[in-house]
């Protein structure tokens, strides 16, 4: 991408905002983490890849809808970028960086995902891996900040699981009431709701099968009190 620099007749490199790089790196981290937790073969291919074509093969596989099913939208999208030549090159650059974790400790795997996430963001914006690292460091959005943020989310999820119930909202949030009193559905409901739902709630929380949403006529005491 080009923009003017000094003169309207002189194109120059567009300045990439560090915040954008950080956001994409954050999403790519969750993509790699999804692979490590759910698609171990693909994660192993990333760790052993030695050529851009090997990285791009993983991207092509991740482009299949069923492969990334269950991953967050941003995470899934970032993994399809692995098919891009520039992204693949930066992934290899990250693996060759002197600070890229080489031990087999659990914390090392987590940091590898951070490095690779930054590499994906760098490739998307047409930056080198080292330039992306520098930009992030200058804005205090480097590796330590990414680690803090992703594990803040982990801590939040653990707290949510320990409390079982998370929150509730009126079913009416999903509808629009027409002047004639007719209720029109605005967005897809997260669970089955009876036709006579008026006054009901959708309760969100963790159950035996993970995060769930369910319809309830009344609120649990814990939520009523808060």
C-alpha atoms as a PDB file:
ATOM      1  CA  UNK A   1       0.000   0.000   0.000  1.00  0.00           C
ATOM      2  CA  UNK A   2       1.350   3.403  -0.929  1.00  0.00           C
ATOM      3  CA  UNK A   3       0.604   6.919   0.145  1.00  0.00           C
ATOM      4  CA  UNK A   4       2.053  10.343  -0.562  1.00  0.00           C
ATOM      5  CA  UNK A   5       5.227  11.431   1.206  1.00  0.00           C
ATOM      6  CA  UNK A   6       6.329  15.055   1.040  1.00  0.00           C
ATOM      7  CA  UNK A   7       4.693  15.578  -2.344  1.00  0.00           C
ATOM      8  CA  UNK A   8       1.498  14.434  -3.973  1.00  0.00           C
ATOM      9  CA  UNK A   9       3.654  13.151  -6.833  1.00  0.00           C
ATOM     10  CA  UNK A  10       5.919  11.015  -4.674  1.00  0.00           C
ATOM     11  CA  UNK A  11       4.512   7.746  -3.364  1.00  0.00           C
ATOM     12  CA  UNK A  12       6.011   6.300  -0.217  1.00  0.00           C
ATOM     13  CA  UNK A  13       5.372   3.474   2.239  1.00  0.00           C
ATOM     14  CA  UNK A  14       2.175   3.800   4.280  1.00  0.00           C
ATOM     15  CA  UNK A  15       2.766   4.139   8.005  1.00  0.00           C
ATOM     16  CA  UNK A  16       1.278   1.115   9.744  1.00  0.00           C
ATOM     17  CA  UNK A  17      -0.331   1.715  13.124  1.00  0.00           C
ATOM     18  CA  UNK A  18       1.141  -0.455  15.892  1.00  0.00           C
ATOM     19  CA  UNK A  19      -2.318  -0.944  17.349  1.00  0.00           C
ATOM     20  CA  UNK A  20      -3.467  -2.652  14.158  1.00  0.00           C
ATOM     21  CA  UNK A  21      -0.453  -4.962  14.215  1.00  0.00           C
ATOM     22  CA  UNK A  22      -1.170  -5.772  17.865  1.00  0.00           C
ATOM     23  CA  UNK A  23      -4.829  -6.584  17.155  1.00  0.00           C
ATOM     24  CA  UNK A  24      -3.991  -8.933  14.303  1.00  0.00           C
ATOM     25  CA  UNK A  25      -1.177 -10.567  16.300  1.00  0.00           C
ATOM     26  CA  UNK A  26      -3.591 -11.117  19.192  1.00  0.00           C
ATOM     27  CA  UNK A  27      -6.124 -12.821  16.903  1.00  0.00           C
ATOM     28  CA  UNK A  28      -3.436 -14.919  15.235  1.00  0.00           C
ATOM     29  CA  UNK A  29      -2.253 -16.094  18.675  1.00  0.00           C
ATOM     30  CA  UNK A  30      -5.705 -17.562  19.305  1.00  0.00           C
ATOM     31  CA  UNK A  31      -5.595 -19.165  15.882  1.00  0.00           C
ATOM     32  CA  UNK A  32      -2.318 -20.928  16.643  1.00  0.00           C
ATOM     33  CA  UNK A  33      -3.593 -21.872  20.074  1.00  0.00           C
ATOM     34  CA  UNK A  34      -6.674 -23.433  18.474  1.00  0.00           C
ATOM     35  CA  UNK A  35      -4.396 -25.489  16.226  1.00  0.00           C
ATOM     36  CA  UNK A  36      -2.254 -26.587  19.184  1.00  0.00           C
ATOM     37  CA  UNK A  37      -5.306 -27.644  21.207  1.00  0.00           C
ATOM     38  CA  UNK A  38      -7.553 -29.026  18.473  1.00  0.00           C
ATOM     39  CA  UNK A  39      -5.529 -29.624  15.293  1.00  0.00           C
ATOM     40  CA  UNK A  40      -2.228 -30.910  16.635  1.00  0.00           C
ATOM     41  CA  UNK A  41      -1.076 -32.213  13.243  1.00  0.00           C
ATOM     42  CA  UNK A  42      -1.350 -28.762  11.700  1.00  0.00           C
ATOM     43  CA  UNK A  43       0.374 -27.165  14.692  1.00  0.00           C
ATOM     44  CA  UNK A  44       3.219 -29.657  14.327  1.00  0.00           C
ATOM     45  CA  UNK A  45       3.489 -28.753  10.637  1.00  0.00           C
ATOM     46  CA  UNK A  46       3.901 -25.086  11.562  1.00  0.00           C
ATOM     47  CA  UNK A  47       6.602 -25.895  14.119  1.00  0.00           C
ATOM     48  CA  UNK A  48       8.573 -28.043  11.671  1.00  0.00           C
ATOM     49  CA  UNK A  49       7.996 -25.975   8.512  1.00  0.00           C
ATOM     50  CA  UNK A  50      11.250 -24.975   6.839  1.00  0.00           C
ATOM     51  CA  UNK A  51       9.949 -23.486   3.583  1.00  0.00           C
ATOM     52  CA  UNK A  52       7.197 -21.003   2.713  1.00  0.00           C
ATOM     53  CA  UNK A  53       5.330 -23.679   0.771  1.00  0.00           C
ATOM     54  CA  UNK A  54       5.065 -25.832   3.900  1.00  0.00           C
ATOM     55  CA  UNK A  55       3.560 -22.935   5.852  1.00  0.00           C
ATOM     56  CA  UNK A  56       1.207 -22.153   2.974  1.00  0.00           C
ATOM     57  CA  UNK A  57      -0.001 -25.760   2.918  1.00  0.00           C
ATOM     58  CA  UNK A  58      -1.260 -25.273   6.470  1.00  0.00           C
ATOM     59  CA  UNK A  59      -3.036 -22.077   5.402  1.00  0.00           C
ATOM     60  CA  UNK A  60      -4.771 -23.888   2.570  1.00  0.00           C
ATOM     61  CA  UNK A  61      -5.940 -26.569   4.967  1.00  0.00           C
ATOM     62  CA  UNK A  62      -7.193 -23.975   7.453  1.00  0.00           C
ATOM     63  CA  UNK A  63      -9.263 -22.398   4.678  1.00  0.00           C
ATOM     64  CA  UNK A  64     -11.593 -25.385   4.782  1.00  0.00           C
ATOM     65  CA  UNK A  65     -14.597 -24.435   6.940  1.00  0.00           C
ATOM     66  CA  UNK A  66     -14.647 -27.645   8.968  1.00  0.00           C
ATOM     67  CA  UNK A  67     -10.992 -27.379   9.978  1.00  0.00           C
ATOM     68  CA  UNK A  68     -11.359 -24.166  11.992  1.00  0.00           C
ATOM     69  CA  UNK A  69     -14.896 -24.877  13.194  1.00  0.00           C
ATOM     70  CA  UNK A  70     -15.133 -23.776  16.807  1.00  0.00           C
ATOM     71  CA  UNK A  71     -12.373 -21.187  16.578  1.00  0.00           C
ATOM     72  CA  UNK A  72     -13.244 -17.534  17.002  1.00  0.00           C
ATOM     73  CA  UNK A  73     -13.929 -15.622  13.779  1.00  0.00           C
ATOM     74  CA  UNK A  74     -10.729 -13.593  14.028  1.00  0.00           C
ATOM     75  CA  UNK A  75      -8.650 -16.651  14.908  1.00  0.00           C
ATOM     76  CA  UNK A  76      -9.993 -18.635  11.974  1.00  0.00           C
ATOM     77  CA  UNK A  77      -9.432 -15.766   9.555  1.00  0.00           C
ATOM     78  CA  UNK A  78      -5.842 -15.253  10.645  1.00  0.00           C
ATOM     79  CA  UNK A  79      -4.981 -18.897   9.973  1.00  0.00           C
ATOM     80  CA  UNK A  80      -6.186 -18.644   6.384  1.00  0.00           C
ATOM     81  CA  UNK A  81      -3.596 -15.871   5.909  1.00  0.00           C
ATOM     82  CA  UNK A  82      -0.871 -18.502   6.295  1.00  0.00           C
ATOM     83  CA  UNK A  83      -1.463 -19.277   2.631  1.00  0.00           C
ATOM     84  CA  UNK A  84      -0.132 -15.839   1.748  1.00  0.00           C
ATOM     85  CA  UNK A  85       3.492 -15.854   0.571  1.00  0.00           C
ATOM     86  CA  UNK A  86       4.503 -12.763   2.594  1.00  0.00           C
ATOM     87  CA  UNK A  87       2.942 -14.164   5.756  1.00  0.00           C
ATOM     88  CA  UNK A  88       4.631 -17.525   5.260  1.00  0.00           C
ATOM     89  CA  UNK A  89       8.033 -15.830   4.868  1.00  0.00           C
ATOM     90  CA  UNK A  90       7.578 -13.844   8.087  1.00  0.00           C
ATOM     91  CA  UNK A  91       6.527 -16.983   9.987  1.00  0.00           C
ATOM     92  CA  UNK A  92       9.855 -18.528   9.034  1.00  0.00           C
ATOM     93  CA  UNK A  93      11.650 -15.305  10.031  1.00  0.00           C
ATOM     94  CA  UNK A  94      10.029 -15.455  13.465  1.00  0.00           C
ATOM     95  CA  UNK A  95      11.209 -19.036  13.925  1.00  0.00           C
ATOM     96  CA  UNK A  96      14.755 -17.978  13.097  1.00  0.00           C
ATOM     97  CA  UNK A  97      14.741 -15.018  15.500  1.00  0.00           C
ATOM     98  CA  UNK A  98      17.290 -15.266  18.321  1.00  0.00           C
ATOM     99  CA  UNK A  99      14.558 -14.889  20.960  1.00  0.00           C
ATOM    100  CA  UNK A 100      12.234 -17.499  19.480  1.00  0.00           C
ATOM    101  CA  UNK A 101      11.695 -20.088  22.283  1.00  0.00           C
ATOM    102  CA  UNK A 102      13.531 -23.353  21.671  1.00  0.00           C
ATOM    103  CA  UNK A 103      12.881 -25.288  24.899  1.00  0.00           C
ATOM    104  CA  UNK A 104      10.005 -27.725  25.392  1.00  0.00           C
ATOM    105  CA  UNK A 105       8.574 -26.073  28.511  1.00  0.00           C
ATOM    106  CA  UNK A 106       4.818 -25.315  28.372  1.00  0.00           C
ATOM    107  CA  UNK A 107       5.585 -21.608  28.638  1.00  0.00           C
ATOM    108  CA  UNK A 108       7.824 -21.870  25.586  1.00  0.00           C
ATOM    109  CA  UNK A 109       4.987 -23.164  23.433  1.00  0.00           C
ATOM    110  CA  UNK A 110       2.830 -20.257  24.546  1.00  0.00           C
ATOM    111  CA  UNK A 111       5.557 -17.759  23.619  1.00  0.00           C
ATOM    112  CA  UNK A 112       6.023 -19.455  20.245  1.00  0.00           C
ATOM    113  CA  UNK A 113       2.381 -18.687  19.520  1.00  0.00           C
ATOM    114  CA  UNK A 114       3.025 -15.025  20.382  1.00  0.00           C
ATOM    115  CA  UNK A 115       6.026 -14.849  18.044  1.00  0.00           C
ATOM    116  CA  UNK A 116       4.131 -16.543  15.245  1.00  0.00           C
ATOM    117  CA  UNK A 117       1.081 -14.350  15.812  1.00  0.00           C
ATOM    118  CA  UNK A 118       3.218 -11.241  15.394  1.00  0.00           C
ATOM    119  CA  UNK A 119       4.737 -12.782  12.259  1.00  0.00           C
ATOM    120  CA  UNK A 120       1.297 -13.259  10.718  1.00  0.00           C
ATOM    121  CA  UNK A 121       0.388  -9.637  11.468  1.00  0.00           C
ATOM    122  CA  UNK A 122       3.705  -8.463  10.019  1.00  0.00           C
ATOM    123  CA  UNK A 123       3.144 -10.358   6.783  1.00  0.00           C
ATOM    124  CA  UNK A 124      -0.412  -9.068   6.401  1.00  0.00           C
ATOM    125  CA  UNK A 125       0.780  -5.450   6.669  1.00  0.00           C
ATOM    126  CA  UNK A 126       3.840  -6.020   4.494  1.00  0.00           C
ATOM    127  CA  UNK A 127       6.325  -5.546   7.353  1.00  0.00           C
ATOM    128  CA  UNK A 128       9.354  -7.570   8.312  1.00  0.00           C
ATOM    129  CA  UNK A 129       9.098  -9.500  11.572  1.00  0.00           C
ATOM    130  CA  UNK A 130      11.784  -7.311  13.178  1.00  0.00           C
ATOM    131  CA  UNK A 131      10.011  -4.119  12.115  1.00  0.00           C
ATOM    132  CA  UNK A 132       6.750  -5.382  13.611  1.00  0.00           C
ATOM    133  CA  UNK A 133       8.540  -6.175  16.893  1.00  0.00           C
ATOM    134  CA  UNK A 134      10.058  -2.697  16.957  1.00  0.00           C
ATOM    135  CA  UNK A 135       6.755  -0.962  16.278  1.00  0.00           C
ATOM    136  CA  UNK A 136       5.017  -2.918  19.028  1.00  0.00           C
ATOM    137  CA  UNK A 137       7.832  -2.272  21.510  1.00  0.00           C
ATOM    138  CA  UNK A 138       7.754   1.472  20.814  1.00  0.00           C
ATOM    139  CA  UNK A 139       4.072   1.587  21.772  1.00  0.00           C
ATOM    140  CA  UNK A 140       4.503  -0.784  24.738  1.00  0.00           C
ATOM    141  CA  UNK A 141       2.452  -3.426  22.917  1.00  0.00           C
ATOM    142  CA  UNK A 142       5.200  -6.022  22.654  1.00  0.00           C
ATOM    143  CA  UNK A 143       5.446  -9.671  23.591  1.00  0.00           C
ATOM    144  CA  UNK A 144       4.918  -9.071  27.322  1.00  0.00           C
ATOM    145  CA  UNK A 145       1.721  -7.117  26.690  1.00  0.00           C
ATOM    146  CA  UNK A 146       0.305  -9.791  24.368  1.00  0.00           C
ATOM    147  CA  UNK A 147       1.089 -12.443  26.975  1.00  0.00           C
ATOM    148  CA  UNK A 148      -0.586 -10.409  29.700  1.00  0.00           C
ATOM    149  CA  UNK A 149      -3.707  -9.849  27.639  1.00  0.00           C
ATOM    150  CA  UNK A 150      -4.246 -13.431  26.476  1.00  0.00           C
ATOM    151  CA  UNK A 151      -3.752 -14.780  29.992  1.00  0.00           C
ATOM    152  CA  UNK A 152      -6.022 -12.107  31.429  1.00  0.00           C
ATOM    153  CA  UNK A 153      -8.707 -13.683  29.245  1.00  0.00           C
ATOM    154  CA  UNK A 154      -7.716 -17.129  30.547  1.00  0.00           C
ATOM    155  CA  UNK A 155      -8.083 -15.917  34.126  1.00  0.00           C
ATOM    156  CA  UNK A 156     -11.468 -14.431  33.314  1.00  0.00           C
ATOM    157  CA  UNK A 157     -12.646 -17.707  31.789  1.00  0.00           C
ATOM    158  CA  UNK A 158     -11.538 -19.630  34.856  1.00  0.00           C
ATOM    159  CA  UNK A 159     -13.415 -17.223  37.093  1.00  0.00           C
ATOM    160  CA  UNK A 160     -16.485 -17.595  34.927  1.00  0.00           C
ATOM    161  CA  UNK A 161     -16.323 -21.388  35.102  1.00  0.00           C
ATOM    162  CA  UNK A 162     -15.918 -21.367  38.879  1.00  0.00           C
ATOM    163  CA  UNK A 163     -19.053 -19.239  39.255  1.00  0.00           C
ATOM    164  CA  UNK A 164     -21.075 -21.392  36.825  1.00  0.00           C
ATOM    165  CA  UNK A 165     -23.559 -18.656  35.866  1.00  0.00           C
ATOM    166  CA  UNK A 166     -22.284 -15.619  34.017  1.00  0.00           C
ATOM    167  CA  UNK A 167     -25.092 -13.265  33.109  1.00  0.00           C
ATOM    168  CA  UNK A 168     -28.659 -13.065  31.876  1.00  0.00           C
ATOM    169  CA  UNK A 169     -30.458 -10.772  29.463  1.00  0.00           C
ATOM    170  CA  UNK A 170     -34.119 -10.255  28.568  1.00  0.00           C
ATOM    171  CA  UNK A 171     -35.267 -12.191  25.517  1.00  0.00           C
ATOM    172  CA  UNK A 172     -36.662  -8.874  24.315  1.00  0.00           C
ATOM    173  CA  UNK A 173     -33.118  -7.759  23.488  1.00  0.00           C
ATOM    174  CA  UNK A 174     -33.356  -9.940  20.383  1.00  0.00           C
ATOM    175  CA  UNK A 175     -36.593  -8.405  19.109  1.00  0.00           C
ATOM    176  CA  UNK A 176     -38.046  -5.127  17.902  1.00  0.00           C
ATOM    177  CA  UNK A 177     -41.562  -4.182  18.945  1.00  0.00           C
ATOM    178  CA  UNK A 178     -43.507  -2.761  15.995  1.00  0.00           C
ATOM    179  CA  UNK A 179     -46.079   0.042  16.533  1.00  0.00           C
ATOM    180  CA  UNK A 180     -48.841  -2.543  16.089  1.00  0.00           C
ATOM    181  CA  UNK A 181     -47.400  -4.602  18.969  1.00  0.00           C
ATOM    182  CA  UNK A 182     -45.855  -7.279  16.754  1.00  0.00           C
ATOM    183  CA  UNK A 183     -42.408  -8.531  17.812  1.00  0.00           C
ATOM    184  CA  UNK A 184     -39.863  -8.885  14.986  1.00  0.00           C
ATOM    185  CA  UNK A 185     -36.713 -10.972  15.489  1.00  0.00           C
ATOM    186  CA  UNK A 186     -33.590  -8.837  14.917  1.00  0.00           C
ATOM    187  CA  UNK A 187     -30.859 -11.455  15.291  1.00  0.00           C
ATOM    188  CA  UNK A 188     -30.533 -15.185  15.743  1.00  0.00           C
ATOM    189  CA  UNK A 189     -31.480 -16.481  19.177  1.00  0.00           C
ATOM    190  CA  UNK A 190     -28.718 -18.377  21.020  1.00  0.00           C
ATOM    191  CA  UNK A 191     -31.137 -21.071  22.225  1.00  0.00           C
ATOM    192  CA  UNK A 192     -34.704 -22.306  21.816  1.00  0.00           C
ATOM    193  CA  UNK A 193     -37.283 -19.844  23.148  1.00  0.00           C
ATOM    194  CA  UNK A 194     -41.031 -20.528  23.522  1.00  0.00           C
ATOM    195  CA  UNK A 195     -43.455 -18.350  21.564  1.00  0.00           C
ATOM    196  CA  UNK A 196     -44.915 -16.907  24.767  1.00  0.00           C
ATOM    197  CA  UNK A 197     -41.522 -15.745  26.020  1.00  0.00           C
ATOM    198  CA  UNK A 198     -42.640 -12.344  27.326  1.00  0.00           C
ATOM    199  CA  UNK A 199     -40.872 -11.660  30.593  1.00  0.00           C
ATOM    200  CA  UNK A 200     -38.374 -14.458  30.020  1.00  0.00           C
ATOM    201  CA  UNK A 201     -34.583 -14.367  30.065  1.00  0.00           C
ATOM    202  CA  UNK A 202     -31.668 -16.005  28.301  1.00  0.00           C
ATOM    203  CA  UNK A 203     -29.232 -17.317  30.879  1.00  0.00           C
ATOM    204  CA  UNK A 204     -25.563 -17.764  29.933  1.00  0.00           C
ATOM    205  CA  UNK A 205     -23.142 -19.964  31.831  1.00  0.00           C
ATOM    206  CA  UNK A 206     -21.013 -23.097  31.903  1.00  0.00           C
ATOM    207  CA  UNK A 207     -22.587 -26.541  31.959  1.00  0.00           C
ATOM    208  CA  UNK A 208     -21.339 -30.119  31.459  1.00  0.00           C
ATOM    209  CA  UNK A 209     -20.739 -29.511  27.755  1.00  0.00           C
ATOM    210  CA  UNK A 210     -19.099 -26.105  28.146  1.00  0.00           C
ATOM    211  CA  UNK A 211     -20.477 -22.627  27.571  1.00  0.00           C
ATOM    212  CA  UNK A 212     -24.259 -22.713  27.148  1.00  0.00           C
ATOM    213  CA  UNK A 213     -27.278 -20.468  26.721  1.00  0.00           C
ATOM    214  CA  UNK A 214     -30.708 -21.478  27.963  1.00  0.00           C
ATOM    215  CA  UNK A 215     -34.164 -19.923  28.334  1.00  0.00           C
ATOM    216  CA  UNK A 216     -35.569 -19.267  31.808  1.00  0.00           C
ATOM    217  CA  UNK A 217     -38.834 -17.703  33.007  1.00  0.00           C
ATOM    218  CA  UNK A 218     -37.239 -16.348  36.186  1.00  0.00           C
ATOM    219  CA  UNK A 219     -33.732 -15.412  37.252  1.00  0.00           C
ATOM    220  CA  UNK A 220     -31.650 -17.467  39.708  1.00  0.00           C
ATOM    221  CA  UNK A 221     -31.413 -15.882  43.144  1.00  0.00           C
ATOM    222  CA  UNK A 222     -27.721 -15.076  42.660  1.00  0.00           C
ATOM    223  CA  UNK A 223     -28.432 -12.970  39.582  1.00  0.00           C
ATOM    224  CA  UNK A 224     -31.563 -11.404  41.012  1.00  0.00           C
ATOM    225  CA  UNK A 225     -29.589 -10.101  43.985  1.00  0.00           C
ATOM    226  CA  UNK A 226     -26.935  -8.531  41.739  1.00  0.00           C
END
